[in-house]
């Protein structure tokens, strides 16, 4: 009787299965490691973003604190003096205010020291010839094309009859990105870049000497730079205006009679209707730096001439190219 020999050679299947299991485990560990790393990275990103947002929010609140400081100073100033000049506390703020992890840089500018663009068109919607002459003088001082001034008037006046070429709806609607002329008072100086022939450089060059305020306003002869003062009378040069301002120092004139009878204005026809020694509108520029974040805040405030009450007109965090350039404003005339 024959019997088959039994093969006792071990099979390799269990060893192969163990290898596959090991590779599977390693693959799972690798995937889990990648996922965990991604989660940690995302959590770190969100923590950093939240930290930056928190610092940004704090910087903005500090900027609002700087604005509130100016509001209090302006209110107290109204109670102390009957006229406004450059020797008052709002004009002599510290260069900067330091606090934990940050600093505030505050500038206050009297907007009655500038020509109000909205004065060009009076309450009846008509061109004010006297104001137009003021702007012509200013444009001439700054070597700006007078044609730009005509374009500006077309933007402001309520009619659709062009004074300059392509400066009403027909011109603007023909642009690649069409829009209409405002035919209304200017709200913000940045609107000027929408006008035919105007650009950012033109606006930045003009900005230290003009403003866009609601209604009709006058020039404060105590705070206006020489270029603006010179527009108050025909044939009144910038150099003569500088001498006039220097003769009074930072305290300025305490009455309009004192200004109008000054020797520098002898023989000149002064546009007294456009001049004053009081101010109601102020621009507040606050730069807040906190924990590596920077906020620039521009605020327009109105102070009631009767009560001194401070009213917020606008806040702006976008038009930083219009940030005040005091070196330009104080520069010697060319």
C-alpha atoms as a PDB file:
ATOM      1  CA  UNK A   1       0.000   0.000   0.000  1.00  0.00           C
ATOM      2  CA  UNK A   2       1.443   3.264  -1.096  1.00  0.00           C
ATOM      3  CA  UNK A   3       1.066   6.601   0.684  1.00  0.00           C
ATOM      4  CA  UNK A   4       1.724  10.177  -0.591  1.00  0.00           C
ATOM      5  CA  UNK A   5       4.419  12.134   1.112  1.00  0.00           C
ATOM      6  CA  UNK A   6       3.124  15.121   3.122  1.00  0.00           C
ATOM      7  CA  UNK A   7       4.639  18.521   2.120  1.00  0.00           C
ATOM      8  CA  UNK A   8       5.421  20.396   5.344  1.00  0.00           C
ATOM      9  CA  UNK A   9       6.973  23.455   3.579  1.00  0.00           C
ATOM     10  CA  UNK A  10       5.475  26.639   5.218  1.00  0.00           C
ATOM     11  CA  UNK A  11       3.434  28.972   2.962  1.00  0.00           C
ATOM     12  CA  UNK A  12       4.433  32.688   2.466  1.00  0.00           C
ATOM     13  CA  UNK A  13       0.839  34.034   2.564  1.00  0.00           C
ATOM     14  CA  UNK A  14       0.795  35.108   6.231  1.00  0.00           C
ATOM     15  CA  UNK A  15       4.122  36.968   5.811  1.00  0.00           C
ATOM     16  CA  UNK A  16       2.782  38.811   2.731  1.00  0.00           C
ATOM     17  CA  UNK A  17      -0.369  39.763   4.597  1.00  0.00           C
ATOM     18  CA  UNK A  18       1.684  41.139   7.456  1.00  0.00           C
ATOM     19  CA  UNK A  19       3.649  43.313   4.971  1.00  0.00           C
ATOM     20  CA  UNK A  20       0.458  44.689   3.435  1.00  0.00           C
ATOM     21  CA  UNK A  21      -0.921  45.415   6.884  1.00  0.00           C
ATOM     22  CA  UNK A  22       2.260  47.275   7.834  1.00  0.00           C
ATOM     23  CA  UNK A  23       2.139  49.397   4.667  1.00  0.00           C
ATOM     24  CA  UNK A  24      -1.544  50.141   5.301  1.00  0.00           C
ATOM     25  CA  UNK A  25      -0.796  51.234   8.859  1.00  0.00           C
ATOM     26  CA  UNK A  26       2.064  53.437   7.679  1.00  0.00           C
ATOM     27  CA  UNK A  27      -0.181  54.972   5.006  1.00  0.00           C
ATOM     28  CA  UNK A  28      -2.902  55.672   7.584  1.00  0.00           C
ATOM     29  CA  UNK A  29      -0.336  57.233   9.942  1.00  0.00           C
ATOM     30  CA  UNK A  30       1.027  59.384   7.096  1.00  0.00           C
ATOM     31  CA  UNK A  31      -2.465  60.574   6.122  1.00  0.00           C
ATOM     32  CA  UNK A  32      -3.320  61.276   9.751  1.00  0.00           C
ATOM     33  CA  UNK A  33      -0.054  63.209  10.146  1.00  0.00           C
ATOM     34  CA  UNK A  34      -0.800  65.313   7.045  1.00  0.00           C
ATOM     35  CA  UNK A  35      -4.344  66.002   8.246  1.00  0.00           C
ATOM     36  CA  UNK A  36      -3.145  66.900  11.741  1.00  0.00           C
ATOM     37  CA  UNK A  37      -0.455  69.165  10.284  1.00  0.00           C
ATOM     38  CA  UNK A  38      -3.035  70.886   8.080  1.00  0.00           C
ATOM     39  CA  UNK A  39      -5.384  71.341  11.035  1.00  0.00           C
ATOM     40  CA  UNK A  40      -2.599  72.803  13.160  1.00  0.00           C
ATOM     41  CA  UNK A  41      -1.618  75.107  10.295  1.00  0.00           C
ATOM     42  CA  UNK A  42      -5.216  76.271   9.834  1.00  0.00           C
ATOM     43  CA  UNK A  43      -5.710  76.811  13.551  1.00  0.00           C
ATOM     44  CA  UNK A  44      -2.476  78.829  13.652  1.00  0.00           C
ATOM     45  CA  UNK A  45      -3.643  80.876  10.644  1.00  0.00           C
ATOM     46  CA  UNK A  46      -7.018  81.621  12.242  1.00  0.00           C
ATOM     47  CA  UNK A  47      -5.359  82.562  15.530  1.00  0.00           C
ATOM     48  CA  UNK A  48      -3.027  84.942  13.694  1.00  0.00           C
ATOM     49  CA  UNK A  49      -5.896  86.410  11.678  1.00  0.00           C
ATOM     50  CA  UNK A  50      -7.979  86.910  14.800  1.00  0.00           C
ATOM     51  CA  UNK A  51      -4.989  88.531  16.496  1.00  0.00           C
ATOM     52  CA  UNK A  52      -4.455  90.919  13.556  1.00  0.00           C
ATOM     53  CA  UNK A  53      -8.163  91.747  13.400  1.00  0.00           C
ATOM     54  CA  UNK A  54      -8.187  92.412  17.131  1.00  0.00           C
ATOM     55  CA  UNK A  55      -5.128  94.684  16.838  1.00  0.00           C
ATOM     56  CA  UNK A  56      -6.701  96.444  13.849  1.00  0.00           C
ATOM     57  CA  UNK A  57      -9.924  97.003  15.781  1.00  0.00           C
ATOM     58  CA  UNK A  58      -7.989  98.337  18.771  1.00  0.00           C
ATOM     59  CA  UNK A  59      -5.970 100.680  16.519  1.00  0.00           C
ATOM     60  CA  UNK A  60      -9.238 102.021  15.099  1.00  0.00           C
ATOM     61  CA  UNK A  61     -10.650 102.590  18.584  1.00  0.00           C
ATOM     62  CA  UNK A  62      -7.505 104.488  19.558  1.00  0.00           C
ATOM     63  CA  UNK A  63      -7.957 106.607  16.396  1.00  0.00           C
ATOM     64  CA  UNK A  64     -11.500 107.385  17.503  1.00  0.00           C
ATOM     65  CA  UNK A  65     -10.047 108.354  20.874  1.00  0.00           C
ATOM     66  CA  UNK A  66      -7.771 110.840  19.116  1.00  0.00           C
ATOM     67  CA  UNK A  67     -10.778 112.258  17.298  1.00  0.00           C
ATOM     68  CA  UNK A  68     -12.662 112.619  20.579  1.00  0.00           C
ATOM     69  CA  UNK A  69      -9.703 114.463  22.100  1.00  0.00           C
ATOM     70  CA  UNK A  70      -9.898 117.034  19.291  1.00  0.00           C
ATOM     71  CA  UNK A  71     -13.671 117.394  19.741  1.00  0.00           C
ATOM     72  CA  UNK A  72     -13.170 118.307  23.392  1.00  0.00           C
ATOM     73  CA  UNK A  73     -10.369 120.757  22.575  1.00  0.00           C
ATOM     74  CA  UNK A  74     -12.470 122.506  19.914  1.00  0.00           C
ATOM     75  CA  UNK A  75     -15.438 122.795  22.258  1.00  0.00           C
ATOM     76  CA  UNK A  76     -13.346 124.288  25.061  1.00  0.00           C
ATOM     77  CA  UNK A  77     -11.674 126.641  22.599  1.00  0.00           C
ATOM     78  CA  UNK A  78     -15.083 128.001  21.562  1.00  0.00           C
ATOM     79  CA  UNK A  79     -15.774 128.961  25.173  1.00  0.00           C
ATOM     80  CA  UNK A  80     -12.458 130.805  25.540  1.00  0.00           C
ATOM     81  CA  UNK A  81     -12.112 133.021  22.447  1.00  0.00           C
ATOM     82  CA  UNK A  82     -14.261 135.061  20.086  1.00  0.00           C
ATOM     83  CA  UNK A  83     -12.116 134.430  17.023  1.00  0.00           C
ATOM     84  CA  UNK A  84      -9.913 131.639  15.663  1.00  0.00           C
ATOM     85  CA  UNK A  85      -6.179 131.730  14.967  1.00  0.00           C
ATOM     86  CA  UNK A  86      -3.123 129.491  14.822  1.00  0.00           C
ATOM     87  CA  UNK A  87      -2.070 130.111  18.429  1.00  0.00           C
ATOM     88  CA  UNK A  88      -5.008 128.137  19.838  1.00  0.00           C
ATOM     89  CA  UNK A  89      -4.695 124.733  21.461  1.00  0.00           C
ATOM     90  CA  UNK A  90      -6.201 122.795  18.513  1.00  0.00           C
ATOM     91  CA  UNK A  91      -3.351 124.087  16.347  1.00  0.00           C
ATOM     92  CA  UNK A  92      -0.610 123.291  18.884  1.00  0.00           C
ATOM     93  CA  UNK A  93      -1.140 119.613  19.655  1.00  0.00           C
ATOM     94  CA  UNK A  94       1.799 117.457  20.711  1.00  0.00           C
ATOM     95  CA  UNK A  95       3.675 115.817  17.790  1.00  0.00           C
ATOM     96  CA  UNK A  96       2.515 112.438  19.051  1.00  0.00           C
ATOM     97  CA  UNK A  97       0.773 110.756  21.970  1.00  0.00           C
ATOM     98  CA  UNK A  98       2.371 107.524  23.138  1.00  0.00           C
ATOM     99  CA  UNK A  99       0.564 104.714  24.921  1.00  0.00           C
ATOM    100  CA  UNK A 100       1.221 101.039  25.661  1.00  0.00           C
ATOM    101  CA  UNK A 101       2.250  99.283  22.404  1.00  0.00           C
ATOM    102  CA  UNK A 102       1.280 102.252  20.271  1.00  0.00           C
ATOM    103  CA  UNK A 103       1.271 105.912  19.328  1.00  0.00           C
ATOM    104  CA  UNK A 104      -1.216 108.502  18.051  1.00  0.00           C
ATOM    105  CA  UNK A 105      -0.238 111.228  15.584  1.00  0.00           C
ATOM    106  CA  UNK A 106      -2.914 113.936  15.331  1.00  0.00           C
ATOM    107  CA  UNK A 107      -3.201 116.915  13.012  1.00  0.00           C
ATOM    108  CA  UNK A 108      -6.041 119.439  12.979  1.00  0.00           C
ATOM    109  CA  UNK A 109      -6.579 121.773  10.048  1.00  0.00           C
ATOM    110  CA  UNK A 110      -8.971 124.673   9.833  1.00  0.00           C
ATOM    111  CA  UNK A 111     -10.889 124.163   6.586  1.00  0.00           C
ATOM    112  CA  UNK A 112     -11.757 127.856   6.509  1.00  0.00           C
ATOM    113  CA  UNK A 113      -8.084 128.308   5.664  1.00  0.00           C
ATOM    114  CA  UNK A 114      -8.946 126.987   2.187  1.00  0.00           C
ATOM    115  CA  UNK A 115     -11.159 128.000  -0.712  1.00  0.00           C
ATOM    116  CA  UNK A 116     -14.442 126.099  -0.714  1.00  0.00           C
ATOM    117  CA  UNK A 117     -14.999 124.617  -4.160  1.00  0.00           C
ATOM    118  CA  UNK A 118     -18.765 124.642  -3.611  1.00  0.00           C
ATOM    119  CA  UNK A 119     -18.673 128.458  -3.355  1.00  0.00           C
ATOM    120  CA  UNK A 120     -18.223 128.554  -7.133  1.00  0.00           C
ATOM    121  CA  UNK A 121     -21.952 128.003  -7.614  1.00  0.00           C
ATOM    122  CA  UNK A 122     -24.267 130.015  -5.383  1.00  0.00           C
ATOM    123  CA  UNK A 123     -27.515 128.919  -3.748  1.00  0.00           C
ATOM    124  CA  UNK A 124     -29.447 129.782  -6.904  1.00  0.00           C
ATOM    125  CA  UNK A 125     -27.329 127.452  -9.005  1.00  0.00           C
ATOM    126  CA  UNK A 126     -25.501 130.309 -10.732  1.00  0.00           C
ATOM    127  CA  UNK A 127     -21.772 130.893 -11.128  1.00  0.00           C
ATOM    128  CA  UNK A 128     -20.393 133.305  -8.499  1.00  0.00           C
ATOM    129  CA  UNK A 129     -18.106 135.558 -10.544  1.00  0.00           C
ATOM    130  CA  UNK A 130     -16.171 136.874  -7.535  1.00  0.00           C
ATOM    131  CA  UNK A 131     -15.369 133.350  -6.323  1.00  0.00           C
ATOM    132  CA  UNK A 132     -14.486 132.302  -9.879  1.00  0.00           C
ATOM    133  CA  UNK A 133     -11.885 135.092  -9.937  1.00  0.00           C
ATOM    134  CA  UNK A 134     -10.465 133.810  -6.644  1.00  0.00           C
ATOM    135  CA  UNK A 135     -10.005 130.360  -8.101  1.00  0.00           C
ATOM    136  CA  UNK A 136      -8.481 131.774 -11.270  1.00  0.00           C
ATOM    137  CA  UNK A 137      -5.853 133.491  -9.121  1.00  0.00           C
ATOM    138  CA  UNK A 138      -5.141 130.278  -7.215  1.00  0.00           C
ATOM    139  CA  UNK A 139      -4.898 128.196 -10.407  1.00  0.00           C
ATOM    140  CA  UNK A 140      -2.515 130.779 -11.852  1.00  0.00           C
ATOM    141  CA  UNK A 141      -0.321 130.642  -8.719  1.00  0.00           C
ATOM    142  CA  UNK A 142      -0.143 126.837  -8.977  1.00  0.00           C
ATOM    143  CA  UNK A 143       0.414 126.852 -12.773  1.00  0.00           C
ATOM    144  CA  UNK A 144      -2.786 124.883 -13.371  1.00  0.00           C
ATOM    145  CA  UNK A 145      -4.718 125.116 -16.627  1.00  0.00           C
ATOM    146  CA  UNK A 146      -7.692 127.491 -16.275  1.00  0.00           C
ATOM    147  CA  UNK A 147      -9.661 125.127 -18.557  1.00  0.00           C
ATOM    148  CA  UNK A 148      -9.770 122.711 -15.612  1.00  0.00           C
ATOM    149  CA  UNK A 149     -11.680 125.348 -13.675  1.00  0.00           C
ATOM    150  CA  UNK A 150     -14.349 125.546 -16.376  1.00  0.00           C
ATOM    151  CA  UNK A 151     -14.691 121.774 -16.236  1.00  0.00           C
ATOM    152  CA  UNK A 152     -15.160 122.036 -12.471  1.00  0.00           C
ATOM    153  CA  UNK A 153     -17.935 124.617 -12.815  1.00  0.00           C
ATOM    154  CA  UNK A 154     -19.767 122.341 -15.280  1.00  0.00           C
ATOM    155  CA  UNK A 155     -19.565 119.512 -12.721  1.00  0.00           C
ATOM    156  CA  UNK A 156     -21.082 121.717 -10.005  1.00  0.00           C
ATOM    157  CA  UNK A 157     -23.773 123.747 -11.775  1.00  0.00           C
ATOM    158  CA  UNK A 158     -27.256 122.212 -12.116  1.00  0.00           C
ATOM    159  CA  UNK A 159     -27.619 122.690 -15.874  1.00  0.00           C
ATOM    160  CA  UNK A 160     -26.392 120.496 -18.726  1.00  0.00           C
ATOM    161  CA  UNK A 161     -24.970 123.320 -20.841  1.00  0.00           C
ATOM    162  CA  UNK A 162     -21.200 122.833 -21.154  1.00  0.00           C
ATOM    163  CA  UNK A 163     -18.771 125.679 -20.561  1.00  0.00           C
ATOM    164  CA  UNK A 164     -15.751 123.535 -21.393  1.00  0.00           C
ATOM    165  CA  UNK A 165     -15.360 120.819 -24.027  1.00  0.00           C
ATOM    166  CA  UNK A 166     -16.969 117.445 -23.142  1.00  0.00           C
ATOM    167  CA  UNK A 167     -17.559 118.520 -19.525  1.00  0.00           C
ATOM    168  CA  UNK A 168     -21.262 117.624 -19.271  1.00  0.00           C
ATOM    169  CA  UNK A 169     -23.163 114.349 -19.677  1.00  0.00           C
ATOM    170  CA  UNK A 170     -22.481 114.086 -23.411  1.00  0.00           C
ATOM    171  CA  UNK A 171     -18.738 113.967 -22.761  1.00  0.00           C
ATOM    172  CA  UNK A 172     -18.786 111.610 -19.788  1.00  0.00           C
ATOM    173  CA  UNK A 173     -21.278 109.183 -21.346  1.00  0.00           C
ATOM    174  CA  UNK A 174     -18.920 108.737 -24.309  1.00  0.00           C
ATOM    175  CA  UNK A 175     -16.155 107.354 -22.078  1.00  0.00           C
ATOM    176  CA  UNK A 176     -15.222 103.661 -22.051  1.00  0.00           C
ATOM    177  CA  UNK A 177     -16.751 103.468 -18.576  1.00  0.00           C
ATOM    178  CA  UNK A 178     -19.548 106.014 -18.861  1.00  0.00           C
ATOM    179  CA  UNK A 179     -21.107 108.049 -16.060  1.00  0.00           C
ATOM    180  CA  UNK A 180     -22.933 111.336 -15.719  1.00  0.00           C
ATOM    181  CA  UNK A 181     -21.808 114.719 -14.458  1.00  0.00           C
ATOM    182  CA  UNK A 182     -22.858 115.305 -10.846  1.00  0.00           C
ATOM    183  CA  UNK A 183     -24.429 118.736 -11.495  1.00  0.00           C
ATOM    184  CA  UNK A 184     -24.404 119.131  -7.719  1.00  0.00           C
ATOM    185  CA  UNK A 185     -22.082 120.332  -4.942  1.00  0.00           C
ATOM    186  CA  UNK A 186     -18.915 118.347  -4.347  1.00  0.00           C
ATOM    187  CA  UNK A 187     -19.045 115.938  -1.398  1.00  0.00           C
ATOM    188  CA  UNK A 188     -15.377 114.929  -1.298  1.00  0.00           C
ATOM    189  CA  UNK A 189     -12.223 116.142  -3.013  1.00  0.00           C
ATOM    190  CA  UNK A 190     -11.628 112.670  -4.466  1.00  0.00           C
ATOM    191  CA  UNK A 191     -14.559 113.328  -6.808  1.00  0.00           C
ATOM    192  CA  UNK A 192     -12.303 115.701  -8.724  1.00  0.00           C
ATOM    193  CA  UNK A 193     -10.508 112.743 -10.307  1.00  0.00           C
ATOM    194  CA  UNK A 194     -13.735 111.991 -12.218  1.00  0.00           C
ATOM    195  CA  UNK A 195     -13.587 115.302 -14.080  1.00  0.00           C
ATOM    196  CA  UNK A 196     -12.337 115.553 -17.648  1.00  0.00           C
ATOM    197  CA  UNK A 197      -8.635 116.444 -17.642  1.00  0.00           C
ATOM    198  CA  UNK A 198      -8.168 115.995 -13.893  1.00  0.00           C
ATOM    199  CA  UNK A 199      -5.959 113.317 -12.341  1.00  0.00           C
ATOM    200  CA  UNK A 200      -4.572 112.362  -8.934  1.00  0.00           C
ATOM    201  CA  UNK A 201      -1.486 114.564  -9.333  1.00  0.00           C
ATOM    202  CA  UNK A 202      -3.619 117.617 -10.130  1.00  0.00           C
ATOM    203  CA  UNK A 203      -5.872 116.982  -7.146  1.00  0.00           C
ATOM    204  CA  UNK A 204      -2.944 116.370  -4.792  1.00  0.00           C
ATOM    205  CA  UNK A 205      -1.296 119.610  -5.975  1.00  0.00           C
ATOM    206  CA  UNK A 206      -4.467 121.612  -5.356  1.00  0.00           C
ATOM    207  CA  UNK A 207      -5.685 119.836  -2.202  1.00  0.00           C
ATOM    208  CA  UNK A 208      -3.762 121.864   0.445  1.00  0.00           C
ATOM    209  CA  UNK A 209      -5.575 125.007  -0.675  1.00  0.00           C
ATOM    210  CA  UNK A 210      -9.152 123.886  -1.379  1.00  0.00           C
ATOM    211  CA  UNK A 211     -11.925 122.003   0.368  1.00  0.00           C
ATOM    212  CA  UNK A 212     -15.441 120.737  -0.308  1.00  0.00           C
ATOM    213  CA  UNK A 213     -17.799 121.953   2.414  1.00  0.00           C
ATOM    214  CA  UNK A 214     -21.599 122.084   2.492  1.00  0.00           C
ATOM    215  CA  UNK A 215     -23.072 125.485   1.763  1.00  0.00           C
ATOM    216  CA  UNK A 216     -21.160 128.740   1.359  1.00  0.00           C
ATOM    217  CA  UNK A 217     -18.144 129.365   3.599  1.00  0.00           C
ATOM    218  CA  UNK A 218     -15.606 132.143   4.090  1.00  0.00           C
ATOM    219  CA  UNK A 219     -11.808 132.223   4.352  1.00  0.00           C
ATOM    220  CA  UNK A 220     -10.395 132.711   7.842  1.00  0.00           C
ATOM    221  CA  UNK A 221      -7.698 135.362   7.339  1.00  0.00           C
ATOM    222  CA  UNK A 222      -5.930 134.238  10.534  1.00  0.00           C
ATOM    223  CA  UNK A 223      -5.344 130.646   9.432  1.00  0.00           C
ATOM    224  CA  UNK A 224      -5.194 130.797   5.627  1.00  0.00           C
ATOM    225  CA  UNK A 225      -1.810 130.321   3.897  1.00  0.00           C
ATOM    226  CA  UNK A 226      -0.463 133.147   1.759  1.00  0.00           C
ATOM    227  CA  UNK A 227      -1.664 131.587  -1.516  1.00  0.00           C
ATOM    228  CA  UNK A 228      -5.254 131.623  -0.277  1.00  0.00           C
ATOM    229  CA  UNK A 229      -5.002 135.076   1.328  1.00  0.00           C
ATOM    230  CA  UNK A 230      -3.761 136.482  -1.969  1.00  0.00           C
ATOM    231  CA  UNK A 231      -7.039 135.488  -3.673  1.00  0.00           C
ATOM    232  CA  UNK A 232      -9.060 137.895  -1.478  1.00  0.00           C
ATOM    233  CA  UNK A 233      -8.009 140.921  -3.521  1.00  0.00           C
ATOM    234  CA  UNK A 234      -7.028 141.516  -7.117  1.00  0.00           C
ATOM    235  CA  UNK A 235      -3.337 142.360  -7.602  1.00  0.00           C
ATOM    236  CA  UNK A 236      -2.590 141.111  -4.069  1.00  0.00           C
ATOM    237  CA  UNK A 237       0.622 139.108  -4.472  1.00  0.00           C
ATOM    238  CA  UNK A 238       1.556 136.010  -2.518  1.00  0.00           C
ATOM    239  CA  UNK A 239       4.629 137.779  -1.129  1.00  0.00           C
ATOM    240  CA  UNK A 240       2.490 140.687   0.096  1.00  0.00           C
ATOM    241  CA  UNK A 241       0.095 138.185   1.670  1.00  0.00           C
ATOM    242  CA  UNK A 242       3.022 136.540   3.444  1.00  0.00           C
ATOM    243  CA  UNK A 243       4.114 139.864   4.870  1.00  0.00           C
ATOM    244  CA  UNK A 244       0.560 140.572   6.008  1.00  0.00           C
ATOM    245  CA  UNK A 245       0.321 137.237   7.840  1.00  0.00           C
ATOM    246  CA  UNK A 246       3.792 137.643   9.376  1.00  0.00           C
ATOM    247  CA  UNK A 247       2.924 141.102  10.698  1.00  0.00           C
ATOM    248  CA  UNK A 248       0.214 139.638  12.935  1.00  0.00           C
ATOM    249  CA  UNK A 249       2.030 136.503  14.074  1.00  0.00           C
ATOM    250  CA  UNK A 250       0.108 133.395  15.056  1.00  0.00           C
ATOM    251  CA  UNK A 251      -2.501 135.366  17.033  1.00  0.00           C
ATOM    252  CA  UNK A 252      -3.826 136.978  13.861  1.00  0.00           C
ATOM    253  CA  UNK A 253      -6.498 139.693  13.693  1.00  0.00           C
ATOM    254  CA  UNK A 254      -9.066 140.021  16.472  1.00  0.00           C
ATOM    255  CA  UNK A 255     -11.500 141.912  14.203  1.00  0.00           C
ATOM    256  CA  UNK A 256     -12.316 142.175  10.516  1.00  0.00           C
ATOM    257  CA  UNK A 257     -11.778 145.935  10.680  1.00  0.00           C
ATOM    258  CA  UNK A 258      -8.191 145.302  11.717  1.00  0.00           C
ATOM    259  CA  UNK A 259      -7.687 143.141   8.663  1.00  0.00           C
ATOM    260  CA  UNK A 260      -9.443 145.399   6.151  1.00  0.00           C
ATOM    261  CA  UNK A 261      -7.588 148.539   7.279  1.00  0.00           C
ATOM    262  CA  UNK A 262      -4.142 146.938   7.325  1.00  0.00           C
ATOM    263  CA  UNK A 263      -1.464 148.845   5.413  1.00  0.00           C
ATOM    264  CA  UNK A 264      -0.778 145.811   3.175  1.00  0.00           C
ATOM    265  CA  UNK A 265      -4.281 146.137   1.716  1.00  0.00           C
ATOM    266  CA  UNK A 266      -4.189 149.875   1.105  1.00  0.00           C
ATOM    267  CA  UNK A 267      -5.542 150.716  -2.343  1.00  0.00           C
ATOM    268  CA  UNK A 268      -6.785 147.154  -2.966  1.00  0.00           C
ATOM    269  CA  UNK A 269     -10.393 146.121  -3.473  1.00  0.00           C
ATOM    270  CA  UNK A 270     -10.798 143.334  -0.934  1.00  0.00           C
ATOM    271  CA  UNK A 271     -13.563 140.772  -1.325  1.00  0.00           C
ATOM    272  CA  UNK A 272     -14.705 141.207   2.291  1.00  0.00           C
ATOM    273  CA  UNK A 273     -17.734 138.954   1.784  1.00  0.00           C
ATOM    274  CA  UNK A 274     -15.380 136.009   1.442  1.00  0.00           C
ATOM    275  CA  UNK A 275     -13.325 136.773   4.573  1.00  0.00           C
ATOM    276  CA  UNK A 276     -13.831 136.066   8.284  1.00  0.00           C
ATOM    277  CA  UNK A 277     -11.913 135.576  11.531  1.00  0.00           C
ATOM    278  CA  UNK A 278     -14.067 132.650  12.720  1.00  0.00           C
ATOM    279  CA  UNK A 279     -14.069 128.988  11.768  1.00  0.00           C
ATOM    280  CA  UNK A 280     -16.694 126.261  11.938  1.00  0.00           C
ATOM    281  CA  UNK A 281     -15.305 123.342   9.901  1.00  0.00           C
ATOM    282  CA  UNK A 282     -12.201 121.397  10.909  1.00  0.00           C
ATOM    283  CA  UNK A 283     -10.445 118.383   9.423  1.00  0.00           C
ATOM    284  CA  UNK A 284      -8.916 115.944  11.909  1.00  0.00           C
ATOM    285  CA  UNK A 285      -6.203 113.568  10.688  1.00  0.00           C
ATOM    286  CA  UNK A 286      -5.375 110.752  13.098  1.00  0.00           C
ATOM    287  CA  UNK A 287      -2.740 108.100  12.483  1.00  0.00           C
ATOM    288  CA  UNK A 288      -3.004 105.290  15.024  1.00  0.00           C
ATOM    289  CA  UNK A 289      -0.229 102.712  15.335  1.00  0.00           C
ATOM    290  CA  UNK A 290      -0.836  99.760  17.624  1.00  0.00           C
ATOM    291  CA  UNK A 291       0.798  96.313  17.812  1.00  0.00           C
ATOM    292  CA  UNK A 292       2.178  96.566  14.299  1.00  0.00           C
ATOM    293  CA  UNK A 293      -1.092  97.783  12.764  1.00  0.00           C
ATOM    294  CA  UNK A 294      -1.708 101.277  11.354  1.00  0.00           C
ATOM    295  CA  UNK A 295      -5.017 103.091  10.902  1.00  0.00           C
ATOM    296  CA  UNK A 296      -5.362 106.462   9.169  1.00  0.00           C
ATOM    297  CA  UNK A 297      -8.605 108.269   9.928  1.00  0.00           C
ATOM    298  CA  UNK A 298      -9.742 111.556   8.406  1.00  0.00           C
ATOM    299  CA  UNK A 299     -12.728 113.203  10.116  1.00  0.00           C
ATOM    300  CA  UNK A 300     -14.713 116.290   9.164  1.00  0.00           C
ATOM    301  CA  UNK A 301     -16.179 118.154  12.154  1.00  0.00           C
ATOM    302  CA  UNK A 302     -18.531 121.113  12.308  1.00  0.00           C
ATOM    303  CA  UNK A 303     -18.524 123.420  15.341  1.00  0.00           C
ATOM    304  CA  UNK A 304     -21.620 125.545  15.842  1.00  0.00           C
ATOM    305  CA  UNK A 305     -20.727 129.239  15.900  1.00  0.00           C
ATOM    306  CA  UNK A 306     -23.552 129.871  18.388  1.00  0.00           C
ATOM    307  CA  UNK A 307     -23.179 127.023  20.879  1.00  0.00           C
ATOM    308  CA  UNK A 308     -19.835 125.379  20.161  1.00  0.00           C
ATOM    309  CA  UNK A 309     -21.579 122.018  19.723  1.00  0.00           C
ATOM    310  CA  UNK A 310     -19.467 119.600  17.682  1.00  0.00           C
ATOM    311  CA  UNK A 311     -21.167 117.616  14.921  1.00  0.00           C
ATOM    312  CA  UNK A 312     -19.614 114.747  12.972  1.00  0.00           C
ATOM    313  CA  UNK A 313     -19.969 115.313   9.221  1.00  0.00           C
ATOM    314  CA  UNK A 314     -17.933 112.400   7.863  1.00  0.00           C
ATOM    315  CA  UNK A 315     -15.175 109.870   8.530  1.00  0.00           C
ATOM    316  CA  UNK A 316     -12.850 108.603   5.816  1.00  0.00           C
ATOM    317  CA  UNK A 317     -10.281 105.788   5.864  1.00  0.00           C
ATOM    318  CA  UNK A 318      -9.663 105.554   2.116  1.00  0.00           C
ATOM    319  CA  UNK A 319      -8.367 108.820   0.592  1.00  0.00           C
ATOM    320  CA  UNK A 320      -4.861 108.624   1.995  1.00  0.00           C
ATOM    321  CA  UNK A 321      -3.312 110.284  -1.048  1.00  0.00           C
ATOM    322  CA  UNK A 322      -5.086 113.441   0.178  1.00  0.00           C
ATOM    323  CA  UNK A 323      -3.349 113.232   3.562  1.00  0.00           C
ATOM    324  CA  UNK A 324      -2.130 116.720   4.523  1.00  0.00           C
ATOM    325  CA  UNK A 325       1.213 117.822   3.117  1.00  0.00           C
ATOM    326  CA  UNK A 326       2.179 120.709   5.375  1.00  0.00           C
ATOM    327  CA  UNK A 327       5.503 121.148   3.577  1.00  0.00           C
ATOM    328  CA  UNK A 328       3.612 121.982   0.367  1.00  0.00           C
ATOM    329  CA  UNK A 329       1.297 124.366   2.142  1.00  0.00           C
ATOM    330  CA  UNK A 330       4.129 126.252   3.786  1.00  0.00           C
ATOM    331  CA  UNK A 331       6.406 126.218   0.745  1.00  0.00           C
ATOM    332  CA  UNK A 332       7.750 129.430  -0.712  1.00  0.00           C
ATOM    333  CA  UNK A 333       5.763 130.522  -3.759  1.00  0.00           C
ATOM    334  CA  UNK A 334       7.382 129.753  -7.085  1.00  0.00           C
END
